[in-house]
Amino acid sequence: MGHLAPTKDDRVDATIVYYGTWTGSVLGQAKVPVLGHFAEDDPYESAETVAEFEQGLRDAGREAAIHRYPGTGHWFAEPSRDVYRPEAARLAFGRTTAFLKGKLSAG
């Protein structure tokens, strides 16, 4: 199932997205909340594409929290990459853990 697991598996309670977007009807195939982390300057995902992704989620009735990280590029949260930005990565990780704690049920 790969990257489509959040749309195909009813056991998924929440989705976290780093860097990449989807558009179109696939966004309506699930109803779980989405947390997205995106770079400010990403050659793969423009600000317009991220905005389209966010709007597509909302149009599909999904809760969406989308964050853009100033001064970052694609792979900003990957320590093995030259573009790693530790402050942004820590902030994204903190937001991720808080999101999961708030969305996942115990058991």
PDB file of N, CA and C in Angstrom:
ATOM      1  N   MET A   1       0.817  -1.196   0.000  1.00  0.00           N
ATOM      2  CA  MET A   1       0.000   0.000   0.000  1.00  0.00           C
ATOM      3  C   MET A   1       0.859   1.257   0.000  1.00  0.00           C
ATOM      4  N   GLY A   2       2.025   1.219   0.597  1.00  0.00           N
ATOM      5  CA  GLY A   2       2.944   2.340   0.546  1.00  0.00           C
ATOM      6  C   GLY A   2       2.342   3.644   1.012  1.00  0.00           C
ATOM      7  N   HIS A   3       2.577   4.691   0.231  1.00  0.00           N
ATOM      8  CA  HIS A   3       2.126   6.029   0.625  1.00  0.00           C
ATOM      9  C   HIS A   3       0.612   6.200   0.572  1.00  0.00           C
ATOM     10  N   LEU A   4      -0.092   5.253   0.018  1.00  0.00           N
ATOM     11  CA  LEU A   4      -1.549   5.355  -0.018  1.00  0.00           C
ATOM     12  C   LEU A   4      -2.209   4.690   1.193  1.00  0.00           C
ATOM     13  N   ALA A   5      -1.421   4.133   2.101  1.00  0.00           N
ATOM     14  CA  ALA A   5      -1.986   3.462   3.273  1.00  0.00           C
ATOM     15  C   ALA A   5      -2.983   4.325   4.027  1.00  0.00           C
ATOM     16  N   PRO A   6      -2.734   5.623   4.211  1.00  0.00           N
ATOM     17  CA  PRO A   6      -3.725   6.420   4.939  1.00  0.00           C
ATOM     18  C   PRO A   6      -5.083   6.500   4.244  1.00  0.00           C
ATOM     19  N   THR A   7      -5.152   6.182   2.975  1.00  0.00           N
ATOM     20  CA  THR A   7      -6.431   6.243   2.276  1.00  0.00           C
ATOM     21  C   THR A   7      -7.066   4.868   2.124  1.00  0.00           C
ATOM     22  N   LYS A   8      -6.328   3.823   2.362  1.00  0.00           N
ATOM     23  CA  LYS A   8      -6.817   2.478   2.089  1.00  0.00           C
ATOM     24  C   LYS A   8      -6.994   1.618   3.336  1.00  0.00           C
ATOM     25  N   ASP A   9      -6.449   2.013   4.450  1.00  0.00           N
ATOM     26  CA  ASP A   9      -6.435   1.167   5.635  1.00  0.00           C
ATOM     27  C   ASP A   9      -7.247   1.828   6.745  1.00  0.00           C
ATOM     28  N   ASP A  10      -8.363   1.210   7.127  1.00  0.00           N
ATOM     29  CA  ASP A  10      -9.230   1.818   8.130  1.00  0.00           C
ATOM     30  C   ASP A  10      -8.672   1.726   9.545  1.00  0.00           C
ATOM     31  N   ARG A  11      -7.503   1.120   9.712  1.00  0.00           N
ATOM     32  CA  ARG A  11      -6.854   1.075  11.024  1.00  0.00           C
ATOM     33  C   ARG A  11      -6.009   2.318  11.281  1.00  0.00           C
ATOM     34  N   VAL A  12      -5.841   3.168  10.297  1.00  0.00           N
ATOM     35  CA  VAL A  12      -5.052   4.389  10.434  1.00  0.00           C
ATOM     36  C   VAL A  12      -5.903   5.439  11.137  1.00  0.00           C
ATOM     37  N   ASP A  13      -5.347   6.034  12.194  1.00  0.00           N
ATOM     38  CA  ASP A  13      -6.065   7.046  12.975  1.00  0.00           C
ATOM     39  C   ASP A  13      -5.617   8.471  12.682  1.00  0.00           C
ATOM     40  N   ALA A  14      -4.429   8.630  12.121  1.00  0.00           N
ATOM     41  CA  ALA A  14      -3.879   9.958  11.834  1.00  0.00           C
ATOM     42  C   ALA A  14      -2.763   9.799  10.816  1.00  0.00           C
ATOM     43  N   THR A  15      -2.482  10.876  10.100  1.00  0.00           N
ATOM     44  CA  THR A  15      -1.438  10.847   9.086  1.00  0.00           C
ATOM     45  C   THR A  15      -0.487  12.017   9.289  1.00  0.00           C
ATOM     46  N   ILE A  16       0.811  11.730   9.216  1.00  0.00           N
ATOM     47  CA  ILE A  16       1.854  12.751   9.278  1.00  0.00           C
ATOM     48  C   ILE A  16       2.541  12.784   7.911  1.00  0.00           C
ATOM     49  N   VAL A  17       2.689  13.978   7.364  1.00  0.00           N
ATOM     50  CA  VAL A  17       3.332  14.139   6.064  1.00  0.00           C
ATOM     51  C   VAL A  17       4.539  15.070   6.213  1.00  0.00           C
ATOM     52  N   TYR A  18       5.675  14.614   5.757  1.00  0.00           N
ATOM     53  CA  TYR A  18       6.865  15.456   5.655  1.00  0.00           C
ATOM     54  C   TYR A  18       7.164  15.652   4.176  1.00  0.00           C
ATOM     55  N   TYR A  19       7.243  16.898   3.750  1.00  0.00           N
ATOM     56  CA  TYR A  19       7.759  17.312   2.439  1.00  0.00           C
ATOM     57  C   TYR A  19       6.814  17.139   1.254  1.00  0.00           C
ATOM     58  N   GLY A  20       6.068  16.058   1.143  1.00  0.00           N
ATOM     59  CA  GLY A  20       5.350  15.773  -0.090  1.00  0.00           C
ATOM     60  C   GLY A  20       3.843  15.944   0.011  1.00  0.00           C
ATOM     61  N   THR A  21       3.220  16.239  -1.124  1.00  0.00           N
ATOM     62  CA  THR A  21       1.779  16.440  -1.187  1.00  0.00           C
ATOM     63  C   THR A  21       1.135  15.471  -2.171  1.00  0.00           C
ATOM     64  N   TRP A  22      -0.186  15.396  -2.086  1.00  0.00           N
ATOM     65  CA  TRP A  22      -1.029  14.722  -3.056  1.00  0.00           C
ATOM     66  C   TRP A  22      -2.167  15.675  -3.356  1.00  0.00           C
ATOM     67  N   THR A  23      -2.792  15.495  -4.471  1.00  0.00           N
ATOM     68  CA  THR A  23      -3.970  16.287  -4.809  1.00  0.00           C
ATOM     69  C   THR A  23      -5.008  15.361  -5.428  1.00  0.00           C
ATOM     70  N   GLY A  24      -6.189  15.866  -5.545  1.00  0.00           N
ATOM     71  CA  GLY A  24      -7.234  15.114  -6.227  1.00  0.00           C
ATOM     72  C   GLY A  24      -8.106  14.297  -5.297  1.00  0.00           C
ATOM     73  N   SER A  25      -8.854  13.392  -5.891  1.00  0.00           N
ATOM     74  CA  SER A  25      -9.873  12.641  -5.163  1.00  0.00           C
ATOM     75  C   SER A  25      -9.296  11.717  -4.102  1.00  0.00           C
ATOM     76  N   VAL A  26      -8.031  11.360  -4.196  1.00  0.00           N
ATOM     77  CA  VAL A  26      -7.425  10.487  -3.188  1.00  0.00           C
ATOM     78  C   VAL A  26      -7.526  11.097  -1.795  1.00  0.00           C
ATOM     79  N   LEU A  27      -7.553  12.412  -1.708  1.00  0.00           N
ATOM     80  CA  LEU A  27      -7.616  13.081  -0.406  1.00  0.00           C
ATOM     81  C   LEU A  27      -8.935  12.839   0.310  1.00  0.00           C
ATOM     82  N   GLY A  28      -9.970  12.488  -0.411  1.00  0.00           N
ATOM     83  CA  GLY A  28     -11.267  12.223   0.192  1.00  0.00           C
ATOM     84  C   GLY A  28     -11.510  10.760   0.511  1.00  0.00           C
ATOM     85  N   GLN A  29     -10.535   9.906   0.242  1.00  0.00           N
ATOM     86  CA  GLN A  29     -10.720   8.477   0.480  1.00  0.00           C
ATOM     87  C   GLN A  29     -10.532   8.088   1.935  1.00  0.00           C
ATOM     88  N   ALA A  30     -10.068   9.007   2.759  1.00  0.00           N
ATOM     89  CA  ALA A  30      -9.934   8.780   4.196  1.00  0.00           C
ATOM     90  C   ALA A  30     -10.488  10.003   4.896  1.00  0.00           C
ATOM     91  N   LYS A  31     -10.711   9.886   6.175  1.00  0.00           N
ATOM     92  CA  LYS A  31     -11.242  11.019   6.944  1.00  0.00           C
ATOM     93  C   LYS A  31     -10.356  11.375   8.125  1.00  0.00           C
ATOM     94  N   VAL A  32      -9.227  10.698   8.282  1.00  0.00           N
ATOM     95  CA  VAL A  32      -8.364  10.942   9.442  1.00  0.00           C
ATOM     96  C   VAL A  32      -7.670  12.296   9.330  1.00  0.00           C
ATOM     97  N   PRO A  33      -7.328  12.888  10.473  1.00  0.00           N
ATOM     98  CA  PRO A  33      -6.628  14.172  10.462  1.00  0.00           C
ATOM     99  C   PRO A  33      -5.218  14.035   9.898  1.00  0.00           C
ATOM    100  N   VAL A  34      -4.728  15.145   9.346  1.00  0.00           N
ATOM    101  CA  VAL A  34      -3.410  15.182   8.717  1.00  0.00           C
ATOM    102  C   VAL A  34      -2.594  16.315   9.321  1.00  0.00           C
ATOM    103  N   LEU A  35      -1.338  16.014   9.642  1.00  0.00           N
ATOM    104  CA  LEU A  35      -0.360  17.006  10.050  1.00  0.00           C
ATOM    105  C   LEU A  35       0.711  17.031   8.972  1.00  0.00           C
ATOM    106  N   GLY A  36       0.983  18.203   8.418  1.00  0.00           N
ATOM    107  CA  GLY A  36       1.970  18.313   7.352  1.00  0.00           C
ATOM    108  C   GLY A  36       3.101  19.251   7.706  1.00  0.00           C
ATOM    109  N   HIS A  37       4.316  18.849   7.359  1.00  0.00           N
ATOM    110  CA  HIS A  37       5.521  19.648   7.572  1.00  0.00           C
ATOM    111  C   HIS A  37       6.160  19.913   6.211  1.00  0.00           C
ATOM    112  N   PHE A  38       6.313  21.211   5.868  1.00  0.00           N
ATOM    113  CA  PHE A  38       6.820  21.566   4.552  1.00  0.00           C
ATOM    114  C   PHE A  38       7.896  22.635   4.645  1.00  0.00           C
ATOM    115  N   ALA A  39       8.856  22.534   3.757  1.00  0.00           N
ATOM    116  CA  ALA A  39       9.941  23.499   3.682  1.00  0.00           C
ATOM    117  C   ALA A  39       9.461  24.791   3.033  1.00  0.00           C
ATOM    118  N   GLU A  40      10.121  25.863   3.376  1.00  0.00           N
ATOM    119  CA  GLU A  40       9.814  27.150   2.754  1.00  0.00           C
ATOM    120  C   GLU A  40      10.282  27.187   1.302  1.00  0.00           C
ATOM    121  N   ASP A  41      11.447  26.627   1.044  1.00  0.00           N
ATOM    122  CA  ASP A  41      12.043  26.661  -0.291  1.00  0.00           C
ATOM    123  C   ASP A  41      12.314  25.231  -0.741  1.00  0.00           C
ATOM    124  N   ASP A  42      11.345  24.655  -1.437  1.00  0.00           N
ATOM    125  CA  ASP A  42      11.429  23.255  -1.833  1.00  0.00           C
ATOM    126  C   ASP A  42      11.239  23.149  -3.344  1.00  0.00           C
ATOM    127  N   PRO A  43      12.245  22.655  -4.063  1.00  0.00           N
ATOM    128  CA  PRO A  43      12.096  22.549  -5.519  1.00  0.00           C
ATOM    129  C   PRO A  43      11.055  21.520  -5.946  1.00  0.00           C
ATOM    130  N   TYR A  44      10.648  20.651  -5.032  1.00  0.00           N
ATOM    131  CA  TYR A  44       9.686  19.606  -5.354  1.00  0.00           C
ATOM    132  C   TYR A  44       8.249  19.977  -4.997  1.00  0.00           C
ATOM    133  N   GLU A  45       8.090  20.881  -4.036  1.00  0.00           N
ATOM    134  CA  GLU A  45       6.757  21.261  -3.565  1.00  0.00           C
ATOM    135  C   GLU A  45       6.679  22.779  -3.419  1.00  0.00           C
ATOM    136  N   SER A  46       6.011  23.423  -4.338  1.00  0.00           N
ATOM    137  CA  SER A  46       5.871  24.879  -4.277  1.00  0.00           C
ATOM    138  C   SER A  46       4.862  25.270  -3.205  1.00  0.00           C
ATOM    139  N   ALA A  47       4.889  26.521  -2.825  1.00  0.00           N
ATOM    140  CA  ALA A  47       3.912  27.033  -1.859  1.00  0.00           C
ATOM    141  C   ALA A  47       2.493  26.848  -2.394  1.00  0.00           C
ATOM    142  N   GLU A  48       2.326  26.991  -3.697  1.00  0.00           N
ATOM    143  CA  GLU A  48       1.014  26.822  -4.302  1.00  0.00           C
ATOM    144  C   GLU A  48       0.530  25.374  -4.194  1.00  0.00           C
ATOM    145  N   THR A  49       1.442  24.430  -4.399  1.00  0.00           N
ATOM    146  CA  THR A  49       1.078  23.020  -4.304  1.00  0.00           C
ATOM    147  C   THR A  49       0.706  22.646  -2.874  1.00  0.00           C
ATOM    148  N   VAL A  50       1.462  23.176  -1.906  1.00  0.00           N
ATOM    149  CA  VAL A  50       1.148  22.915  -0.503  1.00  0.00           C
ATOM    150  C   VAL A  50      -0.222  23.505  -0.163  1.00  0.00           C
ATOM    151  N   ALA A  51      -0.496  24.699  -0.648  1.00  0.00           N
ATOM    152  CA  ALA A  51      -1.800  25.325  -0.408  1.00  0.00           C
ATOM    153  C   ALA A  51      -2.917  24.502  -1.055  1.00  0.00           C
ATOM    154  N   GLU A  52      -2.682  23.983  -2.249  1.00  0.00           N
ATOM    155  CA  GLU A  52      -3.677  23.148  -2.927  1.00  0.00           C
ATOM    156  C   GLU A  52      -3.924  21.856  -2.138  1.00  0.00           C
ATOM    157  N   PHE A  53      -2.864  21.276  -1.605  1.00  0.00           N
ATOM    158  CA  PHE A  53      -2.976  20.087  -0.772  1.00  0.00           C
ATOM    159  C   PHE A  53      -3.831  20.374   0.462  1.00  0.00           C
ATOM    160  N   GLU A  54      -3.517  21.467   1.139  1.00  0.00           N
ATOM    161  CA  GLU A  54      -4.270  21.837   2.336  1.00  0.00           C
ATOM    162  C   GLU A  54      -5.745  22.075   2.008  1.00  0.00           C
ATOM    163  N   GLN A  55      -6.006  22.797   0.949  1.00  0.00           N
ATOM    164  CA  GLN A  55      -7.389  23.070   0.567  1.00  0.00           C
ATOM    165  C   GLN A  55      -8.111  21.789   0.167  1.00  0.00           C
ATOM    166  N   GLY A  56      -7.410  20.903  -0.525  1.00  0.00           N
ATOM    167  CA  GLY A  56      -8.006  19.624  -0.907  1.00  0.00           C
ATOM    168  C   GLY A  56      -8.407  18.793   0.304  1.00  0.00           C
ATOM    169  N   LEU A  57      -7.566  18.813   1.338  1.00  0.00           N
ATOM    170  CA  LEU A  57      -7.906  18.103   2.572  1.00  0.00           C
ATOM    171  C   LEU A  57      -9.154  18.709   3.203  1.00  0.00           C
ATOM    172  N   ARG A  58      -9.181  20.020   3.292  1.00  0.00           N
ATOM    173  CA  ARG A  58     -10.327  20.703   3.908  1.00  0.00           C
ATOM    174  C   ARG A  58     -11.598  20.482   3.086  1.00  0.00           C
ATOM    175  N   ASP A  59     -11.481  20.541   1.769  1.00  0.00           N
ATOM    176  CA  ASP A  59     -12.640  20.294   0.902  1.00  0.00           C
ATOM    177  C   ASP A  59     -13.177  18.877   1.081  1.00  0.00           C
ATOM    178  N   ALA A  60     -12.287  17.950   1.432  1.00  0.00           N
ATOM    179  CA  ALA A  60     -12.688  16.556   1.653  1.00  0.00           C
ATOM    180  C   ALA A  60     -13.213  16.341   3.071  1.00  0.00           C
ATOM    181  N   GLY A  61     -13.280  17.411   3.861  1.00  0.00           N
ATOM    182  CA  GLY A  61     -13.801  17.309   5.210  1.00  0.00           C
ATOM    183  C   GLY A  61     -12.806  16.810   6.233  1.00  0.00           C
ATOM    184  N   ARG A  62     -11.532  16.892   5.880  1.00  0.00           N
ATOM    185  CA  ARG A  62     -10.495  16.383   6.779  1.00  0.00           C
ATOM    186  C   ARG A  62      -9.881  17.513   7.598  1.00  0.00           C
ATOM    187  N   GLU A  63      -9.576  17.215   8.831  1.00  0.00           N
ATOM    188  CA  GLU A  63      -8.844  18.142   9.689  1.00  0.00           C
ATOM    189  C   GLU A  63      -7.409  18.192   9.179  1.00  0.00           C
ATOM    190  N   ALA A  64      -6.866  19.388   9.024  1.00  0.00           N
ATOM    191  CA  ALA A  64      -5.506  19.526   8.509  1.00  0.00           C
ATOM    192  C   ALA A  64      -4.759  20.614   9.270  1.00  0.00           C
ATOM    193  N   ALA A  65      -3.571  20.280   9.728  1.00  0.00           N
ATOM    194  CA  ALA A  65      -2.653  21.246  10.327  1.00  0.00           C
ATOM    195  C   ALA A  65      -1.392  21.230   9.475  1.00  0.00           C
ATOM    196  N   ILE A  66      -1.186  22.299   8.735  1.00  0.00           N
ATOM    197  CA  ILE A  66      -0.069  22.376   7.800  1.00  0.00           C
ATOM    198  C   ILE A  66       0.915  23.435   8.292  1.00  0.00           C
ATOM    199  N   HIS A  67       2.177  23.038   8.420  1.00  0.00           N
ATOM    200  CA  HIS A  67       3.222  23.955   8.887  1.00  0.00           C
ATOM    201  C   HIS A  67       4.285  24.110   7.809  1.00  0.00           C
ATOM    202  N   ARG A  68       4.710  25.347   7.634  1.00  0.00           N
ATOM    203  CA  ARG A  68       5.828  25.653   6.739  1.00  0.00           C
ATOM    204  C   ARG A  68       6.953  26.193   7.613  1.00  0.00           C
ATOM    205  N   TYR A  69       8.164  25.783   7.314  1.00  0.00           N
ATOM    206  CA  TYR A  69       9.308  26.119   8.146  1.00  0.00           C
ATOM    207  C   TYR A  69      10.229  27.095   7.420  1.00  0.00           C
ATOM    208  N   PRO A  70      10.266  28.344   7.891  1.00  0.00           N
ATOM    209  CA  PRO A  70      11.093  29.374   7.246  1.00  0.00           C
ATOM    210  C   PRO A  70      12.572  28.992   7.223  1.00  0.00           C
ATOM    211  N   GLY A  71      13.225  29.350   6.148  1.00  0.00           N
ATOM    212  CA  GLY A  71      14.662  29.114   6.022  1.00  0.00           C
ATOM    213  C   GLY A  71      15.046  27.669   5.813  1.00  0.00           C
ATOM    214  N   THR A  72      14.090  26.847   5.367  1.00  0.00           N
ATOM    215  CA  THR A  72      14.379  25.428   5.169  1.00  0.00           C
ATOM    216  C   THR A  72      14.189  25.030   3.712  1.00  0.00           C
ATOM    217  N   GLY A  73      14.794  23.908   3.366  1.00  0.00           N
ATOM    218  CA  GLY A  73      14.619  23.287   2.068  1.00  0.00           C
ATOM    219  C   GLY A  73      14.178  21.844   2.253  1.00  0.00           C
ATOM    220  N   HIS A  74      13.908  21.186   1.135  1.00  0.00           N
ATOM    221  CA  HIS A  74      13.507  19.779   1.164  1.00  0.00           C
ATOM    222  C   HIS A  74      14.524  18.982   1.976  1.00  0.00           C
ATOM    223  N   TRP A  75      14.066  18.065   2.785  1.00  0.00           N
ATOM    224  CA  TRP A  75      14.881  17.207   3.664  1.00  0.00           C
ATOM    225  C   TRP A  75      15.375  17.934   4.916  1.00  0.00           C
ATOM    226  N   PHE A  76      14.758  19.037   5.311  1.00  0.00           N
ATOM    227  CA  PHE A  76      15.250  19.810   6.453  1.00  0.00           C
ATOM    228  C   PHE A  76      15.275  19.028   7.765  1.00  0.00           C
ATOM    229  N   ALA A  77      14.504  17.975   7.888  1.00  0.00           N
ATOM    230  CA  ALA A  77      14.459  17.205   9.129  1.00  0.00           C
ATOM    231  C   ALA A  77      15.306  15.933   9.071  1.00  0.00           C
ATOM    232  N   GLU A  78      16.139  15.814   8.062  1.00  0.00           N
ATOM    233  CA  GLU A  78      16.963  14.617   7.875  1.00  0.00           C
ATOM    234  C   GLU A  78      18.414  14.912   8.270  1.00  0.00           C
ATOM    235  N   PRO A  79      18.869  14.399   9.426  1.00  0.00           N
ATOM    236  CA  PRO A  79      20.220  14.717   9.904  1.00  0.00           C
ATOM    237  C   PRO A  79      21.339  14.309   8.951  1.00  0.00           C
ATOM    238  N   SER A  80      21.104  13.357   8.083  1.00  0.00           N
ATOM    239  CA  SER A  80      22.147  12.898   7.164  1.00  0.00           C
ATOM    240  C   SER A  80      22.266  13.772   5.917  1.00  0.00           C
ATOM    241  N   ARG A  81      21.448  14.787   5.810  1.00  0.00           N
ATOM    242  CA  ARG A  81      21.448  15.654   4.629  1.00  0.00           C
ATOM    243  C   ARG A  81      22.123  16.989   4.920  1.00  0.00           C
ATOM    244  N   ASP A  82      22.744  17.559   3.906  1.00  0.00           N
ATOM    245  CA  ASP A  82      23.395  18.862   4.057  1.00  0.00           C
ATOM    246  C   ASP A  82      22.412  19.976   4.393  1.00  0.00           C
ATOM    247  N   VAL A  83      21.162  19.817   4.028  1.00  0.00           N
ATOM    248  CA  VAL A  83      20.151  20.852   4.259  1.00  0.00           C
ATOM    249  C   VAL A  83      19.443  20.715   5.605  1.00  0.00           C
ATOM    250  N   TYR A  84      19.918  19.801   6.435  1.00  0.00           N
ATOM    251  CA  TYR A  84      19.334  19.592   7.761  1.00  0.00           C
ATOM    252  C   TYR A  84      19.343  20.890   8.557  1.00  0.00           C
ATOM    253  N   ARG A  85      18.195  21.200   9.149  1.00  0.00           N
ATOM    254  CA  ARG A  85      18.044  22.386  10.002  1.00  0.00           C
ATOM    255  C   ARG A  85      17.536  21.899  11.353  1.00  0.00           C
ATOM    256  N   PRO A  86      18.451  21.753  12.342  1.00  0.00           N
ATOM    257  CA  PRO A  86      18.071  21.137  13.616  1.00  0.00           C
ATOM    258  C   PRO A  86      16.926  21.826  14.340  1.00  0.00           C
ATOM    259  N   GLU A  87      16.882  23.141  14.337  1.00  0.00           N
ATOM    260  CA  GLU A  87      15.798  23.831  15.055  1.00  0.00           C
ATOM    261  C   GLU A  87      14.442  23.521  14.431  1.00  0.00           C
ATOM    262  N   ALA A  88      14.372  23.580  13.108  1.00  0.00           N
ATOM    263  CA  ALA A  88      13.118  23.269  12.421  1.00  0.00           C
ATOM    264  C   ALA A  88      12.747  21.805  12.611  1.00  0.00           C
ATOM    265  N   ALA A  89      13.753  20.929  12.563  1.00  0.00           N
ATOM    266  CA  ALA A  89      13.493  19.498  12.745  1.00  0.00           C
ATOM    267  C   ALA A  89      12.951  19.219  14.144  1.00  0.00           C
ATOM    268  N   ARG A  90      13.523  19.853  15.166  1.00  0.00           N
ATOM    269  CA  ARG A  90      13.030  19.666  16.533  1.00  0.00           C
ATOM    270  C   ARG A  90      11.596  20.188  16.680  1.00  0.00           C
ATOM    271  N   LEU A  91      11.322  21.335  16.082  1.00  0.00           N
ATOM    272  CA  LEU A  91       9.971  21.889  16.137  1.00  0.00           C
ATOM    273  C   LEU A  91       8.980  20.947  15.453  1.00  0.00           C
ATOM    274  N   ALA A  92       9.334  20.437  14.281  1.00  0.00           N
ATOM    275  CA  ALA A  92       8.456  19.503  13.562  1.00  0.00           C
ATOM    276  C   ALA A  92       8.238  18.229  14.373  1.00  0.00           C
ATOM    277  N   PHE A  93       9.294  17.724  14.982  1.00  0.00           N
ATOM    278  CA  PHE A  93       9.164  16.510  15.783  1.00  0.00           C
ATOM    279  C   PHE A  93       8.269  16.752  16.995  1.00  0.00           C
ATOM    280  N   GLY A  94       8.443  17.878  17.653  1.00  0.00           N
ATOM    281  CA  GLY A  94       7.584  18.215  18.788  1.00  0.00           C
ATOM    282  C   GLY A  94       6.133  18.333  18.383  1.00  0.00           C
ATOM    283  N   ARG A  95       5.890  18.960  17.256  1.00  0.00           N
ATOM    284  CA  ARG A  95       4.517  19.064  16.753  1.00  0.00           C
ATOM    285  C   ARG A  95       3.953  17.693  16.405  1.00  0.00           C
ATOM    286  N   THR A  96       4.807  16.835  15.865  1.00  0.00           N
ATOM    287  CA  THR A  96       4.382  15.485  15.502  1.00  0.00           C
ATOM    288  C   THR A  96       3.985  14.690  16.737  1.00  0.00           C
ATOM    289  N   THR A  97       4.817  14.700  17.761  1.00  0.00           N
ATOM    290  CA  THR A  97       4.497  13.920  18.953  1.00  0.00           C
ATOM    291  C   THR A  97       3.245  14.464  19.645  1.00  0.00           C
ATOM    292  N   ALA A  98       3.094  15.779  19.699  1.00  0.00           N
ATOM    293  CA  ALA A  98       1.890  16.365  20.306  1.00  0.00           C
ATOM    294  C   ALA A  98       0.645  15.970  19.506  1.00  0.00           C
ATOM    295  N   PHE A  99       0.735  16.020  18.196  1.00  0.00           N
ATOM    296  CA  PHE A  99      -0.379  15.649  17.320  1.00  0.00           C
ATOM    297  C   PHE A  99      -0.777  14.195  17.555  1.00  0.00           C
ATOM    298  N   LEU A 100       0.221  13.316  17.566  1.00  0.00           N
ATOM    299  CA  LEU A 100      -0.078  11.893  17.755  1.00  0.00           C
ATOM    300  C   LEU A 100      -0.668  11.621  19.134  1.00  0.00           C
ATOM    301  N   LYS A 101      -0.136  12.258  20.153  1.00  0.00           N
ATOM    302  CA  LYS A 101      -0.698  12.079  21.497  1.00  0.00           C
ATOM    303  C   LYS A 101      -2.157  12.515  21.545  1.00  0.00           C
ATOM    304  N   GLY A 102      -2.479  13.572  20.816  1.00  0.00           N
ATOM    305  CA  GLY A 102      -3.844  14.075  20.810  1.00  0.00           C
ATOM    306  C   GLY A 102      -4.802  13.281  19.934  1.00  0.00           C
ATOM    307  N   LYS A 103      -4.291  12.542  18.976  1.00  0.00           N
ATOM    308  CA  LYS A 103      -5.161  11.865  18.012  1.00  0.00           C
ATOM    309  C   LYS A 103      -5.274  10.366  18.182  1.00  0.00           C
ATOM    310  N   LEU A 104      -4.278   9.740  18.780  1.00  0.00           N
ATOM    311  CA  LEU A 104      -4.290   8.291  18.879  1.00  0.00           C
ATOM    312  C   LEU A 104      -4.941   7.846  20.169  1.00  0.00           C
ATOM    313  N   SER A 105      -5.792   6.866  20.065  1.00  0.00           N
ATOM    314  CA  SER A 105      -6.451   6.329  21.239  1.00  0.00           C
ATOM    315  C   SER A 105      -5.559   5.313  21.923  1.00  0.00           C
ATOM    316  N   ALA A 106      -5.678   5.207  23.214  1.00  0.00           N
ATOM    317  CA  ALA A 106      -4.918   4.210  23.965  1.00  0.00           C
ATOM    318  C   ALA A 106      -5.569   2.856  23.757  1.00  0.00           C
ATOM    319  N   GLY A 107      -4.775   1.939  23.209  1.00  0.00           N
ATOM    320  CA  GLY A 107      -5.289   0.584  23.054  1.00  0.00           C
ATOM    321  C   GLY A 107      -5.767   0.352  21.707  1.00  0.00           C
TER     322      GLY A 107
END
